[in-house]
PDB file of N, CA and C in Angstrom:
ATOM      1  N   MET A   1      57.484 110.156 122.141  1.00  0.00           N
ATOM      2  CA  MET A   1      58.602 109.389 122.270  1.00  0.00           C
ATOM      3  C   MET A   1      59.940 109.758 121.814  1.00  0.00           C
ATOM      4  N   GLU A   2      61.029 109.812 122.769  1.00  0.00           N
ATOM      5  CA  GLU A   2      62.182 110.272 122.544  1.00  0.00           C
ATOM      6  C   GLU A   2      62.900 109.270 121.621  1.00  0.00           C
ATOM      7  N   LYS A   3      63.559 109.619 120.599  1.00  0.00           N
ATOM      8  CA  LYS A   3      64.512 108.846 119.664  1.00  0.00           C
ATOM      9  C   LYS A   3      65.860 108.498 120.404  1.00  0.00           C
ATOM     10  N   GLU A   4      66.238 107.563 120.268  1.00  0.00           N
ATOM     11  CA  GLU A   4      67.521 107.063 120.594  1.00  0.00           C
ATOM     12  C   GLU A   4      68.689 107.570 119.900  1.00  0.00           C
ATOM     13  N   ASN A   5      69.793 108.012 120.625  1.00  0.00           N
ATOM     14  CA  ASN A   5      70.794 108.621 119.729  1.00  0.00           C
ATOM     15  C   ASN A   5      71.629 107.467 119.308  1.00  0.00           C
ATOM     16  N   PRO A   6      71.940 107.397 118.012  1.00  0.00           N
ATOM     17  CA  PRO A   6      72.835 106.423 117.433  1.00  0.00           C
ATOM     18  C   PRO A   6      74.312 106.679 117.571  1.00  0.00           C
ATOM     19  N   PHE A   7      74.673 107.840 118.250  1.00  0.00           N
ATOM     20  CA  PHE A   7      76.145 107.852 118.257  1.00  0.00           C
ATOM     21  C   PHE A   7      76.365 108.031 119.986  1.00  0.00           C
ATOM     22  N   ASP A   8      75.351 107.630 120.816  1.00  0.00           N
ATOM     23  CA  ASP A   8      75.710 107.503 122.279  1.00  0.00           C
ATOM     24  C   ASP A   8      76.560 106.266 122.639  1.00  0.00           C
ATOM     25  N   PHE A   9      77.901 106.658 122.894  1.00  0.00           N
ATOM     26  CA  PHE A   9      78.776 105.318 123.221  1.00  0.00           C
ATOM     27  C   PHE A   9      78.902 105.387 124.705  1.00  0.00           C
ATOM     28  N   SER A  10      77.880 105.809 125.433  1.00  0.00           N
ATOM     29  CA  SER A  10      78.137 105.878 127.056  1.00  0.00           C
ATOM     30  C   SER A  10      78.452 104.485 127.528  1.00  0.00           C
ATOM     31  N   GLY A  11      79.175 104.336 128.295  1.00  0.00           N
ATOM     32  CA  GLY A  11      79.477 103.010 128.962  1.00  0.00           C
ATOM     33  C   GLY A  11      80.502 101.930 127.920  1.00  0.00           C
ATOM     34  N   LYS A  12      80.935 102.388 126.966  1.00  0.00           N
ATOM     35  CA  LYS A  12      81.541 101.586 126.059  1.00  0.00           C
ATOM     36  C   LYS A  12      83.108 101.914 125.887  1.00  0.00           C
ATOM     37  N   VAL A  13      83.864 100.993 125.781  1.00  0.00           N
ATOM     38  CA  VAL A  13      85.470 101.113 125.438  1.00  0.00           C
ATOM     39  C   VAL A  13      85.854 101.073 124.093  1.00  0.00           C
ATOM     40  N   ALA A  14      86.409 102.141 123.700  1.00  0.00           N
ATOM     41  CA  ALA A  14      86.839 101.898 122.086  1.00  0.00           C
ATOM     42  C   ALA A  14      88.527 101.899 121.945  1.00  0.00           C
ATOM     43  N   LEU A  15      88.739 100.734 121.341  1.00  0.00           N
ATOM     44  CA  LEU A  15      90.255 100.652 120.899  1.00  0.00           C
ATOM     45  C   LEU A  15      90.541 101.380 119.846  1.00  0.00           C
ATOM     46  N   ILE A  16      91.397 102.319 119.662  1.00  0.00           N
ATOM     47  CA  ILE A  16      91.755 103.224 118.766  1.00  0.00           C
ATOM     48  C   ILE A  16      93.226 103.093 118.389  1.00  0.00           C
ATOM     49  N   THR A  17      93.647 102.768 117.161  1.00  0.00           N
ATOM     50  CA  THR A  17      95.005 102.575 116.666  1.00  0.00           C
ATOM     51  C   THR A  17      95.366 103.986 116.124  1.00  0.00           C
ATOM     52  N   GLY A  18      96.692 104.308 116.261  1.00  0.00           N
ATOM     53  CA  GLY A  18      97.076 105.378 115.602  1.00  0.00           C
ATOM     54  C   GLY A  18      96.477 106.892 115.745  1.00  0.00           C
ATOM     55  N   ALA A  19      96.103 106.679 117.575  1.00  0.00           N
ATOM     56  CA  ALA A  19      95.557 108.159 117.833  1.00  0.00           C
ATOM     57  C   ALA A  19      95.970 109.450 117.944  1.00  0.00           C
ATOM     58  N   SER A  20      97.457 109.471 117.624  1.00  0.00           N
ATOM     59  CA  SER A  20      97.869 110.858 117.543  1.00  0.00           C
ATOM     60  C   SER A  20      97.933 111.706 116.538  1.00  0.00           C
ATOM     61  N   SER A  21      97.186 111.133 115.461  1.00  0.00           N
ATOM     62  CA  SER A  21      97.400 111.951 114.187  1.00  0.00           C
ATOM     63  C   SER A  21      96.253 111.390 113.264  1.00  0.00           C
ATOM     64  N   GLY A  22      95.916 112.193 112.317  1.00  0.00           N
ATOM     65  CA  GLY A  22      95.027 111.756 111.209  1.00  0.00           C
ATOM     66  C   GLY A  22      93.482 111.237 111.593  1.00  0.00           C
ATOM     67  N   LEU A  23      93.144 110.176 111.009  1.00  0.00           N
ATOM     68  CA  LEU A  23      91.971 109.703 111.135  1.00  0.00           C
ATOM     69  C   LEU A  23      91.743 109.130 112.660  1.00  0.00           C
ATOM     70  N   GLY A  24      92.766 108.411 113.188  1.00  0.00           N
ATOM     71  CA  GLY A  24      92.837 107.831 114.496  1.00  0.00           C
ATOM     72  C   GLY A  24      92.598 108.966 115.534  1.00  0.00           C
ATOM     73  N   LYS A  25      93.109 110.087 115.476  1.00  0.00           N
ATOM     74  CA  LYS A  25      93.119 111.092 116.372  1.00  0.00           C
ATOM     75  C   LYS A  25      91.672 111.983 116.418  1.00  0.00           C
ATOM     76  N   HIS A  26      91.059 111.861 115.028  1.00  0.00           N
ATOM     77  CA  HIS A  26      89.633 112.249 114.778  1.00  0.00           C
ATOM     78  C   HIS A  26      88.701 111.220 115.469  1.00  0.00           C
ATOM     79  N   PHE A  27      88.840 110.051 115.082  1.00  0.00           N
ATOM     80  CA  PHE A  27      88.027 108.900 115.815  1.00  0.00           C
ATOM     81  C   PHE A  27      88.175 109.103 117.351  1.00  0.00           C
ATOM     82  N   ALA A  28      89.422 109.268 117.844  1.00  0.00           N
ATOM     83  CA  ALA A  28      89.555 109.208 119.234  1.00  0.00           C
ATOM     84  C   ALA A  28      88.739 110.418 120.048  1.00  0.00           C
ATOM     85  N   LYS A  29      89.058 111.585 119.228  1.00  0.00           N
ATOM     86  CA  LYS A  29      88.074 112.509 119.820  1.00  0.00           C
ATOM     87  C   LYS A  29      86.364 112.687 119.762  1.00  0.00           C
ATOM     88  N   THR A  30      86.027 112.242 118.619  1.00  0.00           N
ATOM     89  CA  THR A  30      84.679 111.904 118.319  1.00  0.00           C
ATOM     90  C   THR A  30      84.089 110.964 119.237  1.00  0.00           C
ATOM     91  N   LEU A  31      84.862 109.923 119.382  1.00  0.00           N
ATOM     92  CA  LEU A  31      84.173 108.786 120.320  1.00  0.00           C
ATOM     93  C   LEU A  31      84.067 109.272 121.924  1.00  0.00           C
ATOM     94  N   SER A  32      85.224 109.760 122.204  1.00  0.00           N
ATOM     95  CA  SER A  32      85.233 110.197 123.603  1.00  0.00           C
ATOM     96  C   SER A  32      84.341 111.409 123.808  1.00  0.00           C
ATOM     97  N   PHE A  33      83.997 112.372 122.807  1.00  0.00           N
ATOM     98  CA  PHE A  33      82.980 113.444 123.102  1.00  0.00           C
ATOM     99  C   PHE A  33      81.592 112.651 123.168  1.00  0.00           C
ATOM    100  N   ASN A  34      81.415 111.517 122.464  1.00  0.00           N
ATOM    101  CA  ASN A  34      80.126 110.808 122.663  1.00  0.00           C
ATOM    102  C   ASN A  34      80.090 109.977 123.591  1.00  0.00           C
ATOM    103  N   GLY A  35      80.902 109.956 124.685  1.00  0.00           N
ATOM    104  CA  GLY A  35      80.549 109.115 125.790  1.00  0.00           C
ATOM    105  C   GLY A  35      81.483 107.801 125.912  1.00  0.00           C
ATOM    106  N   ALA A  36      82.333 107.575 124.865  1.00  0.00           N
ATOM    107  CA  ALA A  36      83.344 106.511 124.995  1.00  0.00           C
ATOM    108  C   ALA A  36      84.356 106.441 125.877  1.00  0.00           C
ATOM    109  N   LYS A  37      84.778 105.860 126.451  1.00  0.00           N
ATOM    110  CA  LYS A  37      86.299 105.662 127.189  1.00  0.00           C
ATOM    111  C   LYS A  37      87.149 105.096 126.312  1.00  0.00           C
ATOM    112  N   PRO A  38      88.071 105.689 125.633  1.00  0.00           N
ATOM    113  CA  PRO A  38      89.082 105.778 124.649  1.00  0.00           C
ATOM    114  C   PRO A  38      90.084 104.735 125.197  1.00  0.00           C
ATOM    115  N   PHE A  39      90.551 103.867 124.274  1.00  0.00           N
ATOM    116  CA  PHE A  39      91.984 102.987 124.903  1.00  0.00           C
ATOM    117  C   PHE A  39      92.799 103.430 123.702  1.00  0.00           C
ATOM    118  N   TRP A  40      93.905 104.202 123.715  1.00  0.00           N
ATOM    119  CA  TRP A  40      94.295 104.741 122.503  1.00  0.00           C
ATOM    120  C   TRP A  40      95.862 103.996 122.295  1.00  0.00           C
ATOM    121  N   LEU A  41      95.957 103.414 121.051  1.00  0.00           N
ATOM    122  CA  LEU A  41      97.337 102.768 120.816  1.00  0.00           C
ATOM    123  C   LEU A  41      98.032 103.737 119.803  1.00  0.00           C
ATOM    124  N   GLN A  42      99.575 103.833 120.205  1.00  0.00           N
ATOM    125  CA  GLN A  42     100.308 104.514 119.130  1.00  0.00           C
ATOM    126  C   GLN A  42     101.594 104.122 119.332  1.00  0.00           C
ATOM    127  N   LYS A  43     102.286 103.717 117.983  1.00  0.00           N
ATOM    128  CA  LYS A  43     103.638 103.129 117.931  1.00  0.00           C
ATOM    129  C   LYS A  43     104.628 104.053 118.014  1.00  0.00           C
ATOM    130  N   GLU A  44     104.459 105.351 117.913  1.00  0.00           N
ATOM    131  CA  GLU A  44     105.411 106.216 118.094  1.00  0.00           C
ATOM    132  C   GLU A  44     105.358 107.206 119.237  1.00  0.00           C
ATOM    133  N   LEU A  45     106.280 107.045 120.071  1.00  0.00           N
ATOM    134  CA  LEU A  45     106.081 107.733 121.236  1.00  0.00           C
ATOM    135  C   LEU A  45     106.156 109.166 121.053  1.00  0.00           C
ATOM    136  N   ARG A  46     107.043 109.613 120.355  1.00  0.00           N
ATOM    137  CA  ARG A  46     107.367 111.041 120.025  1.00  0.00           C
ATOM    138  C   ARG A  46     106.038 111.742 119.779  1.00  0.00           C
ATOM    139  N   ARG A  47     105.402 111.022 118.555  1.00  0.00           N
ATOM    140  CA  ARG A  47     103.850 111.644 118.244  1.00  0.00           C
ATOM    141  C   ARG A  47     103.131 111.803 119.283  1.00  0.00           C
ATOM    142  N   TRP A  48     103.168 110.528 120.380  1.00  0.00           N
ATOM    143  CA  TRP A  48     102.087 110.545 121.331  1.00  0.00           C
ATOM    144  C   TRP A  48     102.345 111.818 122.130  1.00  0.00           C
ATOM    145  N   LYS A  49     103.598 112.024 122.455  1.00  0.00           N
ATOM    146  CA  LYS A  49     103.885 112.910 123.494  1.00  0.00           C
ATOM    147  C   LYS A  49     103.461 114.352 123.035  1.00  0.00           C
ATOM    148  N   ASN A  50     103.792 114.710 121.510  1.00  0.00           N
ATOM    149  CA  ASN A  50     103.538 115.936 120.968  1.00  0.00           C
ATOM    150  C   ASN A  50     101.899 116.019 121.185  1.00  0.00           C
ATOM    151  N   TYR A  51     101.057 114.990 120.807  1.00  0.00           N
ATOM    152  CA  TYR A  51      99.565 115.023 120.709  1.00  0.00           C
ATOM    153  C   TYR A  51      99.169 115.440 122.359  1.00  0.00           C
ATOM    154  N   ARG A  52      99.936 114.802 123.404  1.00  0.00           N
ATOM    155  CA  ARG A  52      99.364 114.986 124.745  1.00  0.00           C
ATOM    156  C   ARG A  52     100.158 116.443 125.288  1.00  0.00           C
ATOM    157  N   GLY A  53     100.839 116.997 124.536  1.00  0.00           N
ATOM    158  CA  GLY A  53     101.436 118.203 125.042  1.00  0.00           C
ATOM    159  C   GLY A  53     102.666 118.018 126.101  1.00  0.00           C
ATOM    160  N   THR A  54     103.294 116.828 126.285  1.00  0.00           N
ATOM    161  CA  THR A  54     104.546 116.563 127.279  1.00  0.00           C
ATOM    162  C   THR A  54     105.694 116.633 126.739  1.00  0.00           C
TER     163      THR A  54
END
């Protein structure tokens, strides 16, 4: 019998605040890696552009 993966977020949408740095950035990457579709919020456009490399 196969065990269910408790970190499988396939088909889920994750709302993440502060996604361009710190814990928010870590959670965004981790949830995305585990199948979630992240919806990222960031109040500082400069930091967001630096994160995205634009």
